[in-house]
């Protein structure tokens, strides 16, 4: 990578985006920090500009994403790390979610990163270097009641990233999926619920129980986002705890993430074992 890395971070006004932007700036990197409302972001996070960061107005849902990202890269002269952090969650019953709410969830969490990546790939490819970091979630591995839309958007991001990794590897471009468990960001305080509310039949079910847990867990998550940002940067650069980890696609973060991921693997293995005979019985004789 260049001696002064250039980072583009979407959704830098909150959560991991803000922490990563500050950390990268303190390491001497050039940071293009994007936000839907950069004036508000600059007011809430004055440290970004104080450390030399540059705010860029960007809504990843917009058709202007490609043009704005291209202009920012041209001005910077290169791009080394692209962090797709912008995202949100809608939690509730699938039955209660409108077509517009479903579209908005995927537009931000899936199509948004795709737009940014399509804008940056020509530059990364011409350089024959760079890292694309997609902020996923443990929900990208295993879905829970009330998070069907959010989990499906992150599952989509995971499948997209798996294929993308293979496509861009010949150009020395790396893809890294970051899969946090519960971290003490503003994520849980910022989730939205369907405008229709909750259908009465779901009251008292596991869906409502999990939803109530989400509603009361903000600020109590065990994960430290500052430590997480350090680990992400280490794995990107192959330093510290990230030494010899540059070949990995996935970076799970948090003991809760590990536990849920391993439970998913065990469940999937059991499912495969129980259906092996059926699976093997379907070829032409």
Protein backbone atom coordinates (compact mmCIF):
# COMPACT_ATOMS: atom_id res chain seq x y z
CA UNK A 1 0.00 0.00 0.00
CA UNK A 2 1.04 3.62 -0.41
CA UNK A 3 3.01 5.24 2.39
CA UNK A 4 -0.01 7.44 3.03
CA UNK A 5 -3.04 5.26 2.61
CA UNK A 6 -6.24 6.87 1.32
CA UNK A 7 -9.41 5.58 2.98
CA UNK A 8 -13.01 6.11 1.92
CA UNK A 9 -15.47 5.34 4.74
CA UNK A 10 -19.24 5.43 4.21
CA UNK A 11 -21.51 6.12 7.16
CA UNK A 12 -18.62 7.77 9.00
CA UNK A 13 -20.99 9.84 11.13
CA UNK A 14 -21.74 6.96 13.50
CA UNK A 15 -20.70 3.59 14.87
CA UNK A 16 -17.68 1.78 13.51
CA UNK A 17 -17.40 4.35 10.73
CA UNK A 18 -16.57 7.18 13.12
CA UNK A 19 -14.12 5.14 15.18
CA UNK A 20 -12.33 3.77 12.11
CA UNK A 21 -12.07 7.25 10.59
CA UNK A 22 -10.45 8.66 13.72
CA UNK A 23 -8.10 5.70 14.10
CA UNK A 24 -7.02 5.89 10.45
CA UNK A 25 -6.39 9.63 10.72
CA UNK A 26 -4.29 9.16 13.85
CA UNK A 27 -2.17 6.66 11.90
CA UNK A 28 -1.46 9.38 9.36
CA UNK A 29 -3.78 8.21 6.62
CA UNK A 30 -5.90 10.43 4.41
CA UNK A 31 -9.60 9.84 5.15
CA UNK A 32 -12.61 10.72 3.03
CA UNK A 33 -15.44 10.39 5.54
CA UNK A 34 -18.90 10.28 4.02
CA UNK A 35 -22.21 11.18 5.62
CA UNK A 36 -25.70 12.04 4.42
CA UNK A 37 -25.47 15.27 6.42
CA UNK A 38 -21.78 16.26 6.62
CA UNK A 39 -22.49 19.56 8.38
CA UNK A 40 -24.19 17.74 11.24
CA UNK A 41 -21.50 15.05 11.25
CA UNK A 42 -18.74 17.65 11.43
CA UNK A 43 -20.46 19.33 14.36
CA UNK A 44 -20.93 16.05 16.24
CA UNK A 45 -17.43 14.76 15.43
CA UNK A 46 -15.08 17.77 15.22
CA UNK A 47 -12.09 15.46 15.73
CA UNK A 48 -12.38 14.20 12.14
CA UNK A 49 -11.61 17.57 10.54
CA UNK A 50 -9.22 18.49 13.35
CA UNK A 51 -7.13 15.45 12.44
CA UNK A 52 -7.18 16.34 8.75
CA UNK A 53 -10.17 14.31 7.61
CA UNK A 54 -12.42 15.43 4.79
CA UNK A 55 -16.21 15.13 4.91
CA UNK A 56 -18.07 14.18 1.73
CA UNK A 57 -21.83 14.40 1.31
CA UNK A 58 -22.98 10.96 0.21
CA UNK A 59 -26.20 9.01 0.43
CA UNK A 60 -25.39 5.50 -0.77
CA UNK A 61 -29.03 5.14 -1.88
CA UNK A 62 -28.50 7.86 -4.47
CA UNK A 63 -27.84 7.39 -8.17
CA UNK A 64 -25.16 10.08 -7.75
CA UNK A 65 -23.02 7.75 -5.61
CA UNK A 66 -20.75 6.66 -8.47
CA UNK A 67 -20.10 10.21 -9.67
CA UNK A 68 -19.34 11.52 -6.16
CA UNK A 69 -17.05 8.64 -5.23
CA UNK A 70 -15.15 8.89 -8.51
CA UNK A 71 -14.63 12.63 -8.03
CA UNK A 72 -13.33 12.10 -4.49
CA UNK A 73 -10.85 9.45 -5.62
CA UNK A 74 -9.62 11.59 -8.51
CA UNK A 75 -9.02 14.48 -6.11
CA UNK A 76 -7.18 12.22 -3.65
CA UNK A 77 -5.08 10.70 -6.40
CA UNK A 78 -5.59 7.09 -5.33
CA UNK A 79 -7.66 4.82 -3.08
CA UNK A 80 -6.34 2.09 -0.78
CA UNK A 81 -9.14 1.10 1.60
CA UNK A 82 -12.88 1.29 0.97
CA UNK A 83 -15.05 0.74 4.05
CA UNK A 84 -18.74 0.13 3.44
CA UNK A 85 -20.15 0.95 6.86
CA UNK A 86 -23.37 2.84 5.99
CA UNK A 87 -26.38 0.80 7.02
CA UNK A 88 -29.31 0.41 9.40
CA UNK A 89 -31.80 -2.20 10.55
CA UNK A 90 -35.56 -2.48 10.46
CA UNK A 91 -36.79 -4.89 13.13
CA UNK A 92 -40.21 -6.45 13.42
CA UNK A 93 -42.49 -8.93 11.71
CA UNK A 94 -41.94 -9.53 7.99
CA UNK A 95 -45.72 -9.56 7.66
CA UNK A 96 -45.87 -5.96 8.88
CA UNK A 97 -43.17 -4.57 6.60
CA UNK A 98 -44.27 -2.60 3.55
CA UNK A 99 -42.77 -2.99 0.08
CA UNK A 100 -41.13 0.40 0.52
CA UNK A 101 -39.59 -0.58 3.87
CA UNK A 102 -38.26 -3.82 2.38
CA UNK A 103 -36.80 -1.94 -0.59
CA UNK A 104 -35.19 0.71 1.61
CA UNK A 105 -33.47 -1.91 3.77
CA UNK A 106 -31.88 -3.58 0.75
CA UNK A 107 -31.19 -0.30 -1.02
CA UNK A 108 -29.01 0.91 1.85
CA UNK A 109 -27.46 -2.35 3.11
CA UNK A 110 -26.90 -4.16 -0.19
CA UNK A 111 -27.23 -1.89 -3.22
CA UNK A 112 -25.38 0.92 -1.39
CA UNK A 113 -22.14 -1.05 -0.97
CA UNK A 114 -22.50 -2.34 -4.53
CA UNK A 115 -22.70 1.23 -5.85
CA UNK A 116 -19.62 2.29 -3.91
CA UNK A 117 -17.66 -0.80 -4.93
CA UNK A 118 -18.55 -0.40 -8.62
CA UNK A 119 -17.28 3.19 -8.42
CA UNK A 120 -13.98 2.24 -6.75
CA UNK A 121 -13.08 -0.98 -8.57
CA UNK A 122 -11.68 0.63 -11.75
CA UNK A 123 -9.17 2.57 -9.63
CA UNK A 124 -8.27 -0.39 -7.40
CA UNK A 125 -7.90 -2.61 -10.46
CA UNK A 126 -5.64 -0.13 -12.27
CA UNK A 127 -3.47 0.15 -9.14
CA UNK A 128 -3.41 -3.65 -8.71
CA UNK A 129 -3.88 -3.08 -4.97
CA UNK A 130 -6.40 -2.18 -2.30
CA UNK A 131 -8.83 -3.54 0.26
CA UNK A 132 -12.63 -3.49 0.24
CA UNK A 133 -14.06 -3.78 3.74
CA UNK A 134 -17.74 -4.67 4.00
CA UNK A 135 -19.21 -4.25 7.46
CA UNK A 136 -21.52 -7.22 7.84
CA UNK A 137 -22.82 -8.69 11.09
CA UNK A 138 -23.30 -11.98 12.88
CA UNK A 139 -26.79 -11.54 11.40
CA UNK A 140 -25.12 -12.23 8.05
CA UNK A 141 -24.44 -15.77 9.27
CA UNK A 142 -27.50 -16.51 11.36
CA UNK A 143 -30.87 -14.75 11.47
CA UNK A 144 -32.96 -14.20 14.58
CA UNK A 145 -36.69 -13.51 14.98
CA UNK A 146 -37.60 -9.86 14.27
CA UNK A 147 -34.45 -9.33 12.16
CA UNK A 148 -35.48 -11.19 9.00
CA UNK A 149 -35.02 -8.16 6.73
CA UNK A 150 -31.77 -7.00 8.33
CA UNK A 151 -30.35 -10.54 8.41
CA UNK A 152 -31.31 -11.18 4.79
CA UNK A 153 -29.61 -7.94 3.72
CA UNK A 154 -26.42 -9.00 5.50
CA UNK A 155 -26.66 -12.55 4.13
CA UNK A 156 -26.82 -10.94 0.68
CA UNK A 157 -23.74 -8.84 1.44
CA UNK A 158 -21.90 -12.00 2.54
CA UNK A 159 -22.72 -13.92 -0.65
CA UNK A 160 -21.83 -10.90 -2.77
CA UNK A 161 -18.49 -10.53 -0.96
CA UNK A 162 -17.62 -14.22 -1.36
CA UNK A 163 -18.04 -14.02 -5.12
CA UNK A 164 -16.41 -10.59 -5.37
CA UNK A 165 -13.33 -11.84 -3.53
CA UNK A 166 -12.74 -14.48 -6.20
CA UNK A 167 -13.36 -12.01 -9.02
CA UNK A 168 -10.91 -9.34 -7.87
CA UNK A 169 -8.15 -11.55 -6.42
CA UNK A 170 -6.26 -11.62 -9.77
CA UNK A 171 -5.84 -7.85 -9.43
CA UNK A 172 -4.36 -8.07 -5.92
CA UNK A 173 -7.55 -6.57 -4.45
CA UNK A 174 -8.69 -7.97 -1.15
CA UNK A 175 -12.22 -8.24 0.27
CA UNK A 176 -12.75 -8.35 4.03
CA UNK A 177 -16.09 -9.11 5.68
CA UNK A 178 -16.27 -7.72 9.22
CA UNK A 179 -18.86 -9.58 11.31
CA UNK A 180 -19.47 -7.86 14.65
CA UNK A 181 -21.60 -9.30 17.41
CA UNK A 182 -22.98 -6.87 20.00
CA UNK A 183 -20.89 -3.71 20.22
CA UNK A 184 -21.63 -0.55 22.16
CA UNK A 185 -22.36 1.70 19.22
CA UNK A 186 -25.59 3.59 18.49
CA UNK A 187 -26.80 0.70 16.30
CA UNK A 188 -29.54 -0.56 18.63
CA UNK A 189 -30.72 2.93 19.50
CA UNK A 190 -31.12 3.77 15.81
CA UNK A 191 -33.07 0.80 14.47
CA UNK A 192 -36.52 1.40 13.00
CA UNK A 193 -39.72 -0.62 13.19
CA UNK A 194 -42.46 -1.07 10.58
CA UNK A 195 -44.87 1.85 10.32
CA UNK A 196 -47.72 -0.66 10.57
CA UNK A 197 -46.68 -1.67 14.08
CA UNK A 198 -46.83 -5.28 15.28
CA UNK A 199 -49.68 -7.59 14.30
CA UNK A 200 -51.42 -8.66 17.49
CA UNK A 201 -50.91 -12.39 16.91
CA UNK A 202 -47.13 -11.90 17.27
CA UNK A 203 -47.52 -10.46 20.77
CA UNK A 204 -46.18 -12.89 23.35
CA UNK A 205 -44.25 -14.90 20.74
CA UNK A 206 -40.49 -15.34 20.39
CA UNK A 207 -40.48 -12.48 17.86
CA UNK A 208 -41.75 -9.97 20.40
CA UNK A 209 -39.43 -11.37 23.08
CA UNK A 210 -36.35 -10.86 20.89
CA UNK A 211 -37.56 -7.43 19.80
CA UNK A 212 -37.91 -6.37 23.45
CA UNK A 213 -34.36 -7.58 24.08
CA UNK A 214 -33.09 -5.39 21.25
CA UNK A 215 -35.08 -2.44 22.60
CA UNK A 216 -33.53 -2.72 26.06
CA UNK A 217 -29.94 -3.66 25.19
CA UNK A 218 -28.63 -0.37 23.82
CA UNK A 219 -25.62 0.74 25.85
CA UNK A 220 -25.27 -2.69 27.44
CA UNK A 221 -23.52 -4.49 24.59
CA UNK A 222 -20.25 -6.15 25.69
CA UNK A 223 -18.19 -5.17 22.66
CA UNK A 224 -15.79 -2.20 22.68
CA UNK A 225 -15.87 -0.49 19.25
CA UNK A 226 -12.45 1.10 19.84
CA UNK A 227 -10.84 -2.32 20.30
CA UNK A 228 -12.78 -3.60 17.28
CA UNK A 229 -11.43 -0.77 15.12
CA UNK A 230 -7.88 -1.61 16.21
CA UNK A 231 -8.39 -5.26 15.21
CA UNK A 232 -9.91 -4.29 11.85
CA UNK A 233 -6.97 -2.04 11.02
CA UNK A 234 -4.52 -4.74 12.13
CA UNK A 235 -6.14 -7.29 9.81
CA UNK A 236 -6.23 -4.83 6.91
CA UNK A 237 -2.53 -4.01 7.34
CA UNK A 238 -1.30 -7.40 8.52
CA UNK A 239 0.08 -5.91 11.73
CA UNK A 240 -0.30 -6.77 15.41
CA UNK A 241 -3.01 -9.38 15.95
CA UNK A 242 -3.71 -9.24 12.22
CA UNK A 243 -0.28 -10.55 11.21
CA UNK A 244 -0.57 -13.37 8.65
CA UNK A 245 -4.35 -12.86 8.47
CA UNK A 246 -4.38 -10.96 5.17
CA UNK A 247 -5.68 -14.02 3.28
CA UNK A 248 -8.89 -14.28 5.33
CA UNK A 249 -12.28 -13.22 3.99
CA UNK A 250 -14.07 -13.07 7.33
CA UNK A 251 -13.26 -11.23 10.54
CA UNK A 252 -15.66 -12.24 13.34
CA UNK A 253 -15.66 -9.81 16.26
CA UNK A 254 -16.88 -10.60 19.76
CA UNK A 255 -17.24 -13.84 21.75
CA UNK A 256 -21.00 -13.72 21.08
CA UNK A 257 -20.32 -13.70 17.34
CA UNK A 258 -18.07 -16.74 17.63
CA UNK A 259 -20.64 -18.63 19.72
CA UNK A 260 -23.50 -17.96 17.30
CA UNK A 261 -21.36 -18.73 14.24
CA UNK A 262 -20.19 -22.04 15.69
CA UNK A 263 -23.75 -22.96 16.63
CA UNK A 264 -24.76 -22.28 13.01
CA UNK A 265 -21.95 -24.50 11.74
CA UNK A 266 -23.04 -27.32 14.07
CA UNK A 267 -26.67 -26.92 13.00
CA UNK A 268 -25.72 -26.91 9.31
CA UNK A 269 -23.49 -29.97 9.74
CA UNK A 270 -26.30 -31.85 11.48
CA UNK A 271 -28.71 -30.87 8.70
CA UNK A 272 -26.27 -32.05 6.02
CA UNK A 273 -25.67 -35.35 7.81
CA UNK A 274 -29.40 -36.02 8.15
CA UNK A 275 -30.12 -35.22 4.49
CA UNK A 276 -27.01 -36.79 2.94
CA UNK A 277 -28.87 -39.84 1.64
CA UNK A 278 -31.55 -37.64 0.06
CA UNK A 279 -28.98 -35.31 -1.51
CA UNK A 280 -27.08 -38.20 -3.07
CA UNK A 281 -30.21 -39.78 -4.52
CA UNK A 282 -31.07 -37.15 -7.13
CA UNK A 283 -28.62 -37.66 -10.02
CA UNK A 284 -29.61 -39.45 -13.21
CA UNK A 285 -29.14 -43.20 -12.96
